[in-house]
C-alpha atoms as a PDB file:
ATOM      1  CA  MET A   1       8.046  14.808   7.164  1.00  0.00           C
ATOM      2  CA  LEU A   2       9.783  11.565   6.185  1.00  0.00           C
ATOM      3  CA  PRO A   3       7.350  10.815   3.351  1.00  0.00           C
ATOM      4  CA  LYS A   4       7.924  14.247   1.871  1.00  0.00           C
ATOM      5  CA  PHE A   5      11.706  14.145   2.303  1.00  0.00           C
ATOM      6  CA  PHE A   6      12.093  10.655   0.811  1.00  0.00           C
ATOM      7  CA  ASN A   7       9.291  11.177  -1.736  1.00  0.00           C
ATOM      8  CA  MET A   8       7.438   8.100  -0.467  1.00  0.00           C
ATOM      9  CA  SER A   9       3.842   7.591   0.619  1.00  0.00           C
ATOM     10  CA  GLU A  10       2.567   8.011   4.151  1.00  0.00           C
ATOM     11  CA  ASP A  11       1.166   4.475   3.859  1.00  0.00           C
ATOM     12  CA  PHE A  12       4.665   3.090   3.408  1.00  0.00           C
ATOM     13  CA  TRP A  13       5.867   4.683   6.643  1.00  0.00           C
ATOM     14  CA  MET A  14       2.745   3.714   8.582  1.00  0.00           C
ATOM     15  CA  ASN A  15       3.082   0.112   7.397  1.00  0.00           C
ATOM     16  CA  LEU A  16       6.768   0.098   8.304  1.00  0.00           C
ATOM     17  CA  GLN A  17       5.958   1.357  11.812  1.00  0.00           C
ATOM     18  CA  LEU A  18       3.192  -1.235  12.186  1.00  0.00           C
ATOM     19  CA  ARG A  19       5.486  -4.082  11.142  1.00  0.00           C
ATOM     20  CA  TRP A  20       8.190  -2.879  13.548  1.00  0.00           C
ATOM     21  CA  ASP A  21       5.700  -2.662  16.423  1.00  0.00           C
ATOM     22  CA  LEU A  22       4.395  -6.174  15.685  1.00  0.00           C
ATOM     23  CA  PHE A  23       7.934  -7.562  15.493  1.00  0.00           C
ATOM     24  CA  ARG A  24       8.811  -6.077  18.874  1.00  0.00           C
ATOM     25  CA  ALA A  25       5.561  -7.252  20.479  1.00  0.00           C
ATOM     26  CA  LYS A  26       5.996 -10.816  19.195  1.00  0.00           C
ATOM     27  CA  ARG A  27       9.611 -10.895  20.283  1.00  0.00           C
ATOM     28  CA  SER A  28       8.798  -9.708  23.794  1.00  0.00           C
ATOM     29  CA  LYS A  29       6.053 -12.357  24.166  1.00  0.00           C
ATOM     30  CA  GLU A  30       7.813 -15.167  22.297  1.00  0.00           C
ATOM     31  CA  LYS A  31       7.763 -17.715  25.141  1.00  0.00           C
ATOM     32  CA  LYS A  32       4.090 -17.107  25.894  1.00  0.00           C
ATOM     33  CA  LEU A  33       3.197 -17.340  22.198  1.00  0.00           C
ATOM     34  CA  GLN A  34       4.964 -20.711  21.935  1.00  0.00           C
ATOM     35  CA  MET A  35       2.749 -22.073  24.717  1.00  0.00           C
ATOM     36  CA  ILE A  36      -0.468 -21.346  22.789  1.00  0.00           C
ATOM     37  CA  LYS A  37      -1.913 -24.477  21.242  1.00  0.00           C
ATOM     38  CA  PRO A  38      -3.438 -23.783  17.791  1.00  0.00           C
ATOM     39  CA  TYR A  39      -7.185 -24.292  17.450  1.00  0.00           C
ATOM     40  CA  THR A  40      -8.330 -27.296  15.449  1.00  0.00           C
ATOM     41  CA  SER A  41     -11.996 -27.691  14.615  1.00  0.00           C
ATOM     42  CA  SER A  42     -11.881 -31.464  15.234  1.00  0.00           C
ATOM     43  CA  GLU A  43     -11.287 -30.820  18.936  1.00  0.00           C
ATOM     44  CA  TYR A  44     -14.518 -28.883  19.288  1.00  0.00           C
ATOM     45  CA  THR A  45     -17.562 -30.446  17.701  1.00  0.00           C
ATOM     46  CA  ALA A  46     -21.119 -29.285  18.157  1.00  0.00           C
ATOM     47  CA  HIS A  47     -23.468 -31.683  19.895  1.00  0.00           C
ATOM     48  CA  PRO A  48     -27.035 -31.598  18.512  1.00  0.00           C
END
């Protein structure tokens, strides 16, 4: 209904909802996300 009323695409509204959901999820897990150490390939080398 919103896309029709505002004359905008359904994709716009779906993307807006997705971004809002991601924002809320990240915000609720912020402390846990800060504890994650980013992967660096130099830490994990293959041994032949």
